[in-house]
Amino acid sequence: MELAIGTPPVPFVALFDTGSDLTWTQCQPCKLCFPQDTPVYDPTASSSFSPLTCSSNACLPVWSRGCAPSSLCGYRYAYGDGSHSAGVLGTETLTFGSGPGQVPAGFAGAVAFGCGRDNGGDWYNSTGLVGFGRGSLSLVAQLGFGKFSYCLTDFFNTSLGSHVSFGSLAELAHGGGTAVQSTPLVQSPQSPS
């Protein structure tokens, strides 16, 4: 998924993940970072970055024991394939493109996100992850759109775009001779978010 982060906006190419909530990117100073094609995001170069403390509501889903209210909110995520990201939570402006069916043209909004300073695993030439899970830190939840749709196109034909649509734009439409199928996301009883 392509978007931009910060002010001024820096390109952010991330993996789209429906299995987790937190949106994060690799950040300076980076203790352990995986290789990426673009420079690692530097929060000190952005006028819109603001670190979150343990007392913030956004910190509650990732809060760990021993987090003093005035301390920076740390996070640690581990994924099923052995990949991981750890860092601090902050708010930052994310800017989305203006392609068809996307967030309204030029939409920019401040969201809680992870500034990853210790990251590992195979991230497939991305700079991080965009969380589309069901929890409160999910991008969909934070933007308040309630629903999204994502068109999966041919993996081997990179000329075909795979657009994400939010809110009322997420309605599926049949047309143009293309078969459209919908697969609902099922909520897990063991982990509802």
N, C-alpha and C. Protein backbone atom coordinates (compact mmCIF):
# COMPACT_ATOMS: atom_id res chain seq x y z
N MET A 1 0.85 -1.17 0.00
CA MET A 1 0.00 0.00 0.00
C MET A 1 0.90 1.23 0.00
N GLU A 2 0.57 2.21 -0.87
CA GLU A 2 1.36 3.42 -0.97
C GLU A 2 0.63 4.59 -0.32
N LEU A 3 1.31 5.30 0.55
CA LEU A 3 0.81 6.52 1.17
C LEU A 3 2.02 7.35 1.55
N ALA A 4 1.79 8.46 2.23
CA ALA A 4 2.90 9.30 2.66
C ALA A 4 2.73 9.60 4.14
N ILE A 5 3.85 9.84 4.81
CA ILE A 5 3.84 10.07 6.24
C ILE A 5 4.60 11.36 6.55
N GLY A 6 4.05 12.15 7.48
CA GLY A 6 4.74 13.32 7.97
C GLY A 6 4.47 14.60 7.23
N THR A 7 5.10 15.67 7.74
CA THR A 7 5.03 17.00 7.15
C THR A 7 6.44 17.57 7.10
N PRO A 8 7.05 17.67 5.93
CA PRO A 8 6.51 17.35 4.60
C PRO A 8 6.34 15.85 4.41
N PRO A 9 5.44 15.45 3.51
CA PRO A 9 5.15 14.02 3.32
C PRO A 9 6.32 13.25 2.74
N VAL A 10 6.59 12.08 3.33
CA VAL A 10 7.64 11.17 2.88
C VAL A 10 6.97 9.89 2.40
N PRO A 11 7.32 9.37 1.21
CA PRO A 11 6.69 8.14 0.71
C PRO A 11 6.82 6.99 1.70
N PHE A 12 5.74 6.23 1.82
CA PHE A 12 5.63 5.13 2.78
C PHE A 12 4.97 3.98 2.04
N VAL A 13 5.73 2.93 1.72
CA VAL A 13 5.21 1.75 1.03
C VAL A 13 5.15 0.64 2.07
N ALA A 14 3.95 0.19 2.40
CA ALA A 14 3.78 -0.74 3.51
C ALA A 14 2.93 -1.94 3.13
N LEU A 15 3.06 -2.98 3.92
CA LEU A 15 2.22 -4.17 3.74
C LEU A 15 0.83 -3.89 4.31
N PHE A 16 -0.17 -4.35 3.62
CA PHE A 16 -1.58 -4.23 4.01
C PHE A 16 -1.91 -5.48 4.84
N ASP A 17 -2.34 -5.31 6.10
CA ASP A 17 -2.54 -6.46 6.99
C ASP A 17 -3.88 -6.40 7.69
N THR A 18 -4.74 -7.38 7.41
CA THR A 18 -6.04 -7.45 8.09
C THR A 18 -5.95 -8.21 9.41
N GLY A 19 -4.77 -8.75 9.73
CA GLY A 19 -4.62 -9.55 10.94
C GLY A 19 -4.06 -8.79 12.12
N SER A 20 -3.76 -7.51 11.96
CA SER A 20 -3.26 -6.71 13.08
C SER A 20 -3.75 -5.27 12.92
N ASP A 21 -3.58 -4.48 13.96
CA ASP A 21 -4.15 -3.14 13.97
C ASP A 21 -3.14 -2.02 13.76
N LEU A 22 -2.00 -2.13 14.35
CA LEU A 22 -1.06 -1.02 14.37
C LEU A 22 -0.44 -0.74 13.00
N THR A 23 -0.48 0.52 12.60
CA THR A 23 0.24 0.99 11.42
C THR A 23 1.59 1.48 11.92
N TRP A 24 2.66 1.02 11.29
CA TRP A 24 4.00 1.44 11.72
C TRP A 24 4.96 1.50 10.55
N THR A 25 6.01 2.26 10.75
CA THR A 25 7.10 2.33 9.78
C THR A 25 8.42 2.34 10.53
N GLN A 26 9.49 2.00 9.84
CA GLN A 26 10.82 2.06 10.46
C GLN A 26 11.18 3.52 10.72
N CYS A 27 11.80 3.78 11.87
CA CYS A 27 12.11 5.15 12.27
C CYS A 27 13.55 5.30 12.73
N GLN A 28 14.04 6.52 12.57
CA GLN A 28 15.33 6.90 13.15
C GLN A 28 15.13 7.33 14.60
N PRO A 29 16.02 7.14 15.52
CA PRO A 29 17.23 6.35 15.34
C PRO A 29 16.87 4.86 15.35
N CYS A 30 17.39 4.15 14.40
CA CYS A 30 17.03 2.75 14.22
C CYS A 30 18.08 1.85 14.86
N LYS A 31 17.63 1.09 15.85
CA LYS A 31 18.52 0.13 16.52
C LYS A 31 18.75 -1.08 15.61
N LEU A 32 17.68 -1.60 15.01
CA LEU A 32 17.74 -2.72 14.08
C LEU A 32 16.68 -2.49 13.01
N CYS A 33 17.10 -2.26 11.78
CA CYS A 33 16.16 -2.05 10.68
C CYS A 33 16.47 -3.00 9.54
N PHE A 34 15.44 -3.44 8.85
CA PHE A 34 15.62 -4.26 7.67
C PHE A 34 15.85 -3.34 6.47
N PRO A 35 16.46 -3.85 5.39
CA PRO A 35 16.75 -3.00 4.22
C PRO A 35 15.46 -2.49 3.58
N GLN A 36 15.49 -1.24 3.13
CA GLN A 36 14.38 -0.66 2.38
C GLN A 36 14.96 0.27 1.32
N ASP A 37 14.18 0.51 0.24
CA ASP A 37 14.66 1.31 -0.89
C ASP A 37 14.67 2.81 -0.62
N THR A 38 13.85 3.27 0.31
CA THR A 38 13.73 4.69 0.61
C THR A 38 14.41 5.00 1.94
N PRO A 39 14.72 6.26 2.21
CA PRO A 39 15.31 6.60 3.51
C PRO A 39 14.37 6.23 4.66
N VAL A 40 14.95 5.86 5.80
CA VAL A 40 14.16 5.54 6.99
C VAL A 40 13.55 6.84 7.53
N TYR A 41 12.27 6.79 7.86
CA TYR A 41 11.53 7.95 8.36
C TYR A 41 12.21 8.53 9.60
N ASP A 42 12.37 9.85 9.61
CA ASP A 42 12.97 10.56 10.73
C ASP A 42 11.92 11.47 11.37
N PRO A 43 11.38 11.10 12.55
CA PRO A 43 10.33 11.90 13.16
C PRO A 43 10.77 13.33 13.51
N THR A 44 12.07 13.54 13.71
CA THR A 44 12.53 14.90 14.04
C THR A 44 12.48 15.82 12.82
N ALA A 45 12.35 15.26 11.61
CA ALA A 45 12.27 16.06 10.39
C ALA A 45 10.83 16.39 10.02
N SER A 46 9.86 15.92 10.80
CA SER A 46 8.45 16.16 10.52
C SER A 46 7.85 17.12 11.55
N SER A 47 7.18 18.15 11.08
CA SER A 47 6.56 19.12 12.00
C SER A 47 5.25 18.60 12.59
N SER A 48 4.73 17.47 12.08
CA SER A 48 3.45 16.96 12.58
C SER A 48 3.58 15.74 13.49
N PHE A 49 4.81 15.26 13.73
CA PHE A 49 4.99 14.11 14.62
C PHE A 49 4.85 14.54 16.08
N SER A 50 4.14 13.72 16.85
CA SER A 50 4.02 13.97 18.29
C SER A 50 4.05 12.63 19.02
N PRO A 51 5.05 12.40 19.90
CA PRO A 51 5.09 11.13 20.63
C PRO A 51 3.94 11.06 21.63
N LEU A 52 3.45 9.84 21.90
CA LEU A 52 2.38 9.63 22.86
C LEU A 52 2.95 9.09 24.17
N THR A 53 2.35 9.48 25.27
CA THR A 53 2.77 8.98 26.58
C THR A 53 1.87 7.81 26.98
N CYS A 54 2.26 7.14 28.04
CA CYS A 54 1.50 5.99 28.54
C CYS A 54 0.10 6.37 29.01
N SER A 55 -0.12 7.65 29.33
CA SER A 55 -1.43 8.08 29.81
C SER A 55 -2.42 8.33 28.68
N SER A 56 -1.99 8.29 27.42
CA SER A 56 -2.91 8.54 26.30
C SER A 56 -3.81 7.34 26.05
N ASN A 57 -5.03 7.60 25.58
CA ASN A 57 -5.97 6.52 25.27
C ASN A 57 -5.45 5.60 24.18
N ALA A 58 -4.72 6.14 23.22
CA ALA A 58 -4.19 5.32 22.14
C ALA A 58 -3.16 4.32 22.63
N CYS A 59 -2.55 4.60 23.77
CA CYS A 59 -1.52 3.70 24.31
C CYS A 59 -2.12 2.46 24.96
N LEU A 60 -3.37 2.54 25.40
CA LEU A 60 -3.98 1.43 26.14
C LEU A 60 -3.91 0.08 25.42
N PRO A 61 -4.18 0.00 24.09
CA PRO A 61 -4.10 -1.31 23.43
C PRO A 61 -2.70 -1.92 23.37
N VAL A 62 -1.65 -1.11 23.51
CA VAL A 62 -0.29 -1.64 23.42
C VAL A 62 0.48 -1.48 24.72
N TRP A 63 -0.16 -0.95 25.75
CA TRP A 63 0.48 -0.65 27.03
C TRP A 63 1.04 -1.91 27.67
N SER A 64 2.20 -1.76 28.27
CA SER A 64 2.78 -2.87 29.01
C SER A 64 3.00 -2.46 30.46
N ARG A 65 3.15 -3.44 31.33
CA ARG A 65 3.36 -3.16 32.76
C ARG A 65 4.60 -2.29 32.96
N GLY A 66 4.53 -1.48 33.98
CA GLY A 66 5.66 -0.63 34.31
C GLY A 66 5.74 0.63 33.47
N CYS A 67 4.68 0.97 32.80
CA CYS A 67 4.66 2.16 31.96
C CYS A 67 4.14 3.33 32.79
N ALA A 68 5.04 4.22 33.20
CA ALA A 68 4.65 5.40 34.00
C ALA A 68 3.86 6.35 33.10
N PRO A 69 2.82 7.01 33.66
CA PRO A 69 1.95 7.88 32.86
C PRO A 69 2.69 8.91 31.99
N SER A 70 3.81 9.45 32.47
CA SER A 70 4.51 10.47 31.69
C SER A 70 5.58 9.88 30.76
N SER A 71 5.78 8.56 30.80
CA SER A 71 6.77 7.91 29.93
C SER A 71 6.23 7.77 28.51
N LEU A 72 7.14 7.66 27.56
CA LEU A 72 6.72 7.42 26.18
C LEU A 72 6.08 6.04 26.08
N CYS A 73 5.06 5.95 25.25
CA CYS A 73 4.33 4.69 25.06
C CYS A 73 5.11 3.78 24.12
N GLY A 74 5.64 2.70 24.67
CA GLY A 74 6.36 1.73 23.87
C GLY A 74 5.43 0.65 23.35
N TYR A 75 5.78 0.04 22.24
CA TYR A 75 5.01 -1.08 21.71
C TYR A 75 5.96 -2.18 21.25
N ARG A 76 5.45 -3.40 21.19
CA ARG A 76 6.18 -4.54 20.65
C ARG A 76 5.15 -5.45 20.00
N TYR A 77 5.29 -5.68 18.71
CA TYR A 77 4.40 -6.56 17.95
C TYR A 77 5.22 -7.72 17.41
N ALA A 78 4.70 -8.93 17.52
CA ALA A 78 5.30 -10.11 16.91
C ALA A 78 4.26 -10.73 15.98
N TYR A 79 4.69 -11.16 14.82
CA TYR A 79 3.78 -11.70 13.81
C TYR A 79 4.02 -13.20 13.65
N GLY A 80 3.02 -13.89 13.11
CA GLY A 80 3.05 -15.34 12.99
C GLY A 80 4.21 -15.89 12.20
N ASP A 81 4.78 -15.10 11.29
CA ASP A 81 5.90 -15.59 10.47
C ASP A 81 7.25 -15.32 11.12
N GLY A 82 7.25 -14.82 12.37
CA GLY A 82 8.49 -14.55 13.08
C GLY A 82 8.96 -13.10 12.95
N SER A 83 8.33 -12.30 12.10
CA SER A 83 8.68 -10.89 11.96
C SER A 83 8.27 -10.14 13.22
N HIS A 84 8.89 -8.99 13.44
CA HIS A 84 8.53 -8.19 14.62
C HIS A 84 8.83 -6.72 14.38
N SER A 85 8.21 -5.89 15.23
CA SER A 85 8.49 -4.46 15.26
C SER A 85 8.31 -3.99 16.69
N ALA A 86 9.22 -3.13 17.14
CA ALA A 86 9.13 -2.52 18.47
C ALA A 86 9.60 -1.08 18.35
N GLY A 87 8.98 -0.23 19.14
CA GLY A 87 9.35 1.18 19.11
C GLY A 87 8.45 1.99 20.01
N VAL A 88 8.18 3.22 19.61
CA VAL A 88 7.32 4.11 20.39
C VAL A 88 6.09 4.50 19.56
N LEU A 89 5.01 4.75 20.27
CA LEU A 89 3.77 5.16 19.64
C LEU A 89 3.73 6.68 19.56
N GLY A 90 3.24 7.20 18.46
CA GLY A 90 3.09 8.64 18.30
C GLY A 90 1.92 8.92 17.40
N THR A 91 1.65 10.20 17.17
CA THR A 91 0.66 10.57 16.16
C THR A 91 1.40 11.25 15.02
N GLU A 92 0.89 11.03 13.83
CA GLU A 92 1.52 11.60 12.65
C GLU A 92 0.47 11.76 11.56
N THR A 93 0.74 12.63 10.62
CA THR A 93 -0.15 12.84 9.49
C THR A 93 0.14 11.82 8.40
N LEU A 94 -0.90 11.10 7.99
CA LEU A 94 -0.80 10.19 6.86
C LEU A 94 -1.57 10.82 5.71
N THR A 95 -0.98 10.82 4.53
CA THR A 95 -1.61 11.39 3.35
C THR A 95 -1.84 10.28 2.34
N PHE A 96 -3.07 10.25 1.81
CA PHE A 96 -3.45 9.22 0.86
C PHE A 96 -3.57 9.83 -0.52
N GLY A 97 -3.39 8.99 -1.54
CA GLY A 97 -3.51 9.43 -2.93
C GLY A 97 -4.92 9.81 -3.30
N SER A 98 -5.09 10.15 -4.56
CA SER A 98 -6.40 10.61 -5.02
C SER A 98 -6.94 9.73 -6.13
N GLY A 99 -6.51 8.47 -6.18
CA GLY A 99 -6.99 7.55 -7.21
C GLY A 99 -8.46 7.24 -7.05
N PRO A 100 -9.07 6.61 -8.06
CA PRO A 100 -10.49 6.30 -7.99
C PRO A 100 -10.83 5.37 -6.83
N GLY A 101 -11.89 5.70 -6.11
CA GLY A 101 -12.37 4.84 -5.03
C GLY A 101 -11.57 4.92 -3.76
N GLN A 102 -10.61 5.82 -3.69
CA GLN A 102 -9.81 5.92 -2.48
C GLN A 102 -10.40 6.96 -1.54
N VAL A 103 -9.70 7.20 -0.44
CA VAL A 103 -10.08 8.26 0.47
C VAL A 103 -10.18 9.53 -0.35
N PRO A 104 -11.11 10.45 -0.04
CA PRO A 104 -11.26 11.66 -0.85
C PRO A 104 -9.91 12.31 -1.17
N ALA A 105 -9.81 12.86 -2.36
CA ALA A 105 -8.56 13.41 -2.89
C ALA A 105 -7.83 14.26 -1.88
N GLY A 106 -6.56 13.96 -1.71
CA GLY A 106 -5.73 14.76 -0.83
C GLY A 106 -6.01 14.59 0.65
N PHE A 107 -6.82 13.59 1.04
CA PHE A 107 -7.13 13.42 2.47
C PHE A 107 -5.85 13.26 3.26
N ALA A 108 -5.74 13.99 4.34
CA ALA A 108 -4.62 13.85 5.26
C ALA A 108 -5.19 13.84 6.66
N GLY A 109 -4.74 12.94 7.50
CA GLY A 109 -5.26 12.87 8.85
C GLY A 109 -4.21 12.38 9.82
N ALA A 110 -4.29 12.88 11.04
CA ALA A 110 -3.36 12.46 12.08
C ALA A 110 -3.87 11.16 12.70
N VAL A 111 -3.02 10.16 12.76
CA VAL A 111 -3.38 8.88 13.34
C VAL A 111 -2.28 8.43 14.29
N ALA A 112 -2.67 7.58 15.23
CA ALA A 112 -1.68 6.94 16.12
C ALA A 112 -0.97 5.88 15.28
N PHE A 113 0.35 5.87 15.37
CA PHE A 113 1.11 4.90 14.60
C PHE A 113 2.39 4.56 15.36
N GLY A 114 3.02 3.47 14.94
CA GLY A 114 4.24 3.01 15.58
C GLY A 114 5.47 3.50 14.85
N CYS A 115 6.40 4.01 15.61
CA CYS A 115 7.69 4.45 15.09
C CYS A 115 8.66 3.34 15.44
N GLY A 116 8.85 2.40 14.49
CA GLY A 116 9.61 1.18 14.75
C GLY A 116 11.12 1.38 14.73
N ARG A 117 11.76 1.07 15.84
CA ARG A 117 13.21 1.25 15.95
C ARG A 117 13.95 -0.08 16.09
N ASP A 118 13.21 -1.17 16.24
CA ASP A 118 13.79 -2.51 16.34
C ASP A 118 12.88 -3.43 15.54
N ASN A 119 13.25 -3.72 14.30
CA ASN A 119 12.38 -4.44 13.37
C ASN A 119 13.14 -5.57 12.71
N GLY A 120 12.46 -6.68 12.51
CA GLY A 120 13.13 -7.80 11.87
C GLY A 120 12.15 -8.67 11.11
N GLY A 121 12.67 -9.45 10.19
CA GLY A 121 11.85 -10.35 9.40
C GLY A 121 11.92 -9.99 7.94
N ASP A 122 11.13 -10.68 7.13
CA ASP A 122 11.07 -10.41 5.70
C ASP A 122 9.87 -9.52 5.43
N TRP A 123 10.13 -8.29 5.11
CA TRP A 123 9.05 -7.31 4.90
C TRP A 123 8.84 -6.99 3.43
N TYR A 124 9.36 -7.82 2.54
CA TYR A 124 9.06 -7.77 1.11
C TYR A 124 9.23 -6.38 0.50
N ASN A 125 10.35 -5.75 0.79
CA ASN A 125 10.71 -4.44 0.24
C ASN A 125 9.73 -3.33 0.63
N SER A 126 9.08 -3.48 1.77
CA SER A 126 8.21 -2.42 2.28
C SER A 126 8.99 -1.60 3.31
N THR A 127 8.32 -0.61 3.88
CA THR A 127 8.93 0.18 4.95
C THR A 127 8.22 -0.04 6.28
N GLY A 128 7.18 -0.89 6.27
CA GLY A 128 6.41 -1.15 7.48
C GLY A 128 5.10 -1.83 7.16
N LEU A 129 4.08 -1.50 7.94
CA LEU A 129 2.80 -2.20 7.84
C LEU A 129 1.65 -1.23 8.08
N VAL A 130 0.52 -1.46 7.38
CA VAL A 130 -0.71 -0.70 7.63
C VAL A 130 -1.73 -1.69 8.18
N GLY A 131 -2.17 -1.45 9.43
CA GLY A 131 -3.07 -2.37 10.11
C GLY A 131 -4.53 -2.13 9.78
N PHE A 132 -5.20 -3.16 9.28
CA PHE A 132 -6.62 -3.11 8.94
C PHE A 132 -7.43 -4.09 9.78
N GLY A 133 -6.95 -4.42 10.99
CA GLY A 133 -7.68 -5.32 11.88
C GLY A 133 -8.93 -4.65 12.45
N ARG A 134 -9.51 -5.27 13.48
CA ARG A 134 -10.75 -4.77 14.06
C ARG A 134 -10.57 -3.92 15.31
N GLY A 135 -9.36 -3.75 15.79
CA GLY A 135 -9.12 -3.03 17.03
C GLY A 135 -9.13 -1.52 16.88
N SER A 136 -9.00 -0.82 18.00
CA SER A 136 -9.10 0.64 18.01
C SER A 136 -7.93 1.33 17.32
N LEU A 137 -6.78 0.67 17.17
CA LEU A 137 -5.64 1.28 16.50
C LEU A 137 -5.64 1.03 14.99
N SER A 138 -6.60 0.24 14.52
CA SER A 138 -6.71 -0.02 13.09
C SER A 138 -6.89 1.28 12.33
N LEU A 139 -6.31 1.37 11.13
CA LEU A 139 -6.47 2.57 10.33
C LEU A 139 -7.93 2.86 10.04
N VAL A 140 -8.71 1.82 9.75
CA VAL A 140 -10.14 1.99 9.46
C VAL A 140 -10.87 2.57 10.68
N ALA A 141 -10.55 2.06 11.87
CA ALA A 141 -11.19 2.56 13.10
C ALA A 141 -10.78 4.00 13.38
N GLN A 142 -9.51 4.31 13.23
CA GLN A 142 -9.04 5.66 13.52
C GLN A 142 -9.60 6.70 12.55
N LEU A 143 -9.75 6.33 11.28
CA LEU A 143 -10.29 7.27 10.30
C LEU A 143 -11.80 7.38 10.39
N GLY A 144 -12.45 6.45 11.10
CA GLY A 144 -13.89 6.51 11.32
C GLY A 144 -14.74 6.15 10.11
N PHE A 145 -14.20 5.39 9.15
CA PHE A 145 -14.96 5.03 7.97
C PHE A 145 -15.83 3.79 8.17
N GLY A 146 -15.52 2.96 9.16
CA GLY A 146 -16.35 1.80 9.47
C GLY A 146 -16.15 0.58 8.59
N LYS A 147 -15.80 0.76 7.33
CA LYS A 147 -15.58 -0.40 6.46
C LYS A 147 -14.62 -0.03 5.34
N PHE A 148 -14.08 -1.07 4.71
CA PHE A 148 -13.17 -0.87 3.59
C PHE A 148 -13.32 -2.03 2.63
N SER A 149 -12.85 -1.83 1.42
CA SER A 149 -12.75 -2.93 0.47
C SER A 149 -11.40 -2.79 -0.23
N TYR A 150 -10.90 -3.92 -0.68
CA TYR A 150 -9.60 -3.96 -1.32
C TYR A 150 -9.69 -4.91 -2.49
N CYS A 151 -9.38 -4.43 -3.66
CA CYS A 151 -9.46 -5.25 -4.86
C CYS A 151 -8.14 -5.98 -5.05
N LEU A 152 -8.18 -7.30 -5.00
CA LEU A 152 -6.98 -8.11 -5.20
C LEU A 152 -6.82 -8.36 -6.69
N THR A 153 -5.71 -7.91 -7.24
CA THR A 153 -5.44 -8.09 -8.66
C THR A 153 -4.32 -9.09 -8.85
N ASP A 154 -4.01 -9.38 -10.09
CA ASP A 154 -3.00 -10.36 -10.43
C ASP A 154 -1.64 -9.98 -9.84
N PHE A 155 -1.11 -10.84 -8.99
CA PHE A 155 0.16 -10.59 -8.30
C PHE A 155 1.31 -10.37 -9.28
N PHE A 156 1.26 -11.04 -10.41
CA PHE A 156 2.36 -10.98 -11.37
C PHE A 156 2.21 -9.86 -12.39
N ASN A 157 1.07 -9.18 -12.40
CA ASN A 157 0.87 -8.07 -13.32
C ASN A 157 0.87 -6.78 -12.51
N THR A 158 2.04 -6.20 -12.33
CA THR A 158 2.16 -5.02 -11.47
C THR A 158 1.58 -3.76 -12.10
N SER A 159 1.15 -3.81 -13.37
CA SER A 159 0.53 -2.64 -13.99
C SER A 159 -0.91 -2.46 -13.52
N LEU A 160 -1.49 -3.50 -12.94
CA LEU A 160 -2.86 -3.39 -12.42
C LEU A 160 -2.81 -2.84 -11.01
N GLY A 161 -3.58 -1.80 -10.75
CA GLY A 161 -3.61 -1.23 -9.41
C GLY A 161 -4.55 -1.99 -8.50
N SER A 162 -4.24 -2.00 -7.23
CA SER A 162 -5.10 -2.62 -6.21
C SER A 162 -5.50 -1.52 -5.24
N HIS A 163 -6.64 -0.91 -5.48
CA HIS A 163 -7.05 0.24 -4.69
C HIS A 163 -7.80 -0.15 -3.43
N VAL A 164 -7.55 0.60 -2.37
CA VAL A 164 -8.29 0.46 -1.12
C VAL A 164 -9.38 1.52 -1.13
N SER A 165 -10.60 1.11 -0.79
CA SER A 165 -11.72 2.05 -0.71
C SER A 165 -12.27 2.04 0.70
N PHE A 166 -12.68 3.21 1.18
CA PHE A 166 -13.18 3.35 2.56
C PHE A 166 -14.62 3.82 2.57
N GLY A 167 -15.34 3.48 3.67
CA GLY A 167 -16.69 3.99 3.90
C GLY A 167 -17.65 3.66 2.78
N SER A 168 -18.45 4.65 2.33
CA SER A 168 -19.45 4.41 1.28
C SER A 168 -18.79 4.06 -0.05
N LEU A 169 -17.53 4.44 -0.24
CA LEU A 169 -16.82 4.08 -1.47
C LEU A 169 -16.45 2.60 -1.50
N ALA A 170 -16.62 1.91 -0.37
CA ALA A 170 -16.23 0.49 -0.28
C ALA A 170 -17.30 -0.44 -0.81
N GLU A 171 -18.43 0.08 -1.28
CA GLU A 171 -19.48 -0.77 -1.83
C GLU A 171 -18.97 -1.43 -3.11
N LEU A 172 -19.22 -2.73 -3.25
CA LEU A 172 -18.79 -3.45 -4.45
C LEU A 172 -19.78 -3.24 -5.57
N ALA A 173 -19.27 -3.05 -6.77
CA ALA A 173 -20.12 -2.85 -7.94
C ALA A 173 -19.69 -3.83 -9.03
N HIS A 174 -20.67 -4.48 -9.62
CA HIS A 174 -20.38 -5.38 -10.74
C HIS A 174 -20.44 -4.55 -12.02
N GLY A 175 -19.56 -4.83 -12.91
CA GLY A 175 -19.61 -4.08 -14.17
C GLY A 175 -18.37 -4.31 -14.99
N GLY A 176 -18.45 -3.90 -16.23
CA GLY A 176 -17.32 -4.00 -17.12
C GLY A 176 -16.92 -5.43 -17.44
N GLY A 177 -17.84 -6.38 -17.24
CA GLY A 177 -17.54 -7.77 -17.53
C GLY A 177 -16.63 -8.44 -16.53
N THR A 178 -16.34 -7.75 -15.43
CA THR A 178 -15.45 -8.31 -14.41
C THR A 178 -16.27 -8.96 -13.31
N ALA A 179 -15.90 -10.18 -12.96
CA ALA A 179 -16.58 -10.86 -11.87
C ALA A 179 -16.06 -10.28 -10.54
N VAL A 180 -16.98 -9.93 -9.67
CA VAL A 180 -16.61 -9.36 -8.38
C VAL A 180 -17.13 -10.29 -7.30
N GLN A 181 -16.25 -10.66 -6.38
CA GLN A 181 -16.65 -11.50 -5.25
C GLN A 181 -16.28 -10.78 -3.97
N SER A 182 -17.06 -11.04 -2.95
CA SER A 182 -16.80 -10.43 -1.66
C SER A 182 -16.52 -11.53 -0.64
N THR A 183 -15.53 -11.30 0.20
CA THR A 183 -15.21 -12.24 1.27
C THR A 183 -15.24 -11.46 2.58
N PRO A 184 -16.24 -11.74 3.43
CA PRO A 184 -16.32 -11.00 4.70
C PRO A 184 -15.20 -11.42 5.64
N LEU A 185 -14.80 -10.50 6.50
CA LEU A 185 -13.83 -10.82 7.55
C LEU A 185 -14.58 -11.42 8.72
N VAL A 186 -14.11 -12.53 9.23
CA VAL A 186 -14.78 -13.22 10.31
C VAL A 186 -14.08 -12.87 11.62
N GLN A 187 -14.88 -12.61 12.64
CA GLN A 187 -14.33 -12.25 13.94
C GLN A 187 -13.98 -13.51 14.74
N SER A 188 -12.77 -13.53 15.30
CA SER A 188 -12.31 -14.66 16.07
C SER A 188 -12.83 -14.58 17.51
N PRO A 189 -13.46 -15.64 18.04
CA PRO A 189 -13.93 -15.61 19.42
C PRO A 189 -12.77 -15.51 20.43
N GLN A 190 -11.60 -16.05 20.07
CA GLN A 190 -10.44 -16.00 20.98
C GLN A 190 -9.80 -14.62 21.01
N SER A 191 -9.87 -13.90 19.93
CA SER A 191 -9.25 -12.58 19.85
C SER A 191 -10.17 -11.67 19.03
N PRO A 192 -11.25 -11.14 19.63
CA PRO A 192 -12.26 -10.38 18.90
C PRO A 192 -11.73 -9.16 18.14
N SER A 193 -10.63 -8.55 18.60
CA SER A 193 -10.14 -7.36 17.88
C SER A 193 -9.17 -7.77 16.78
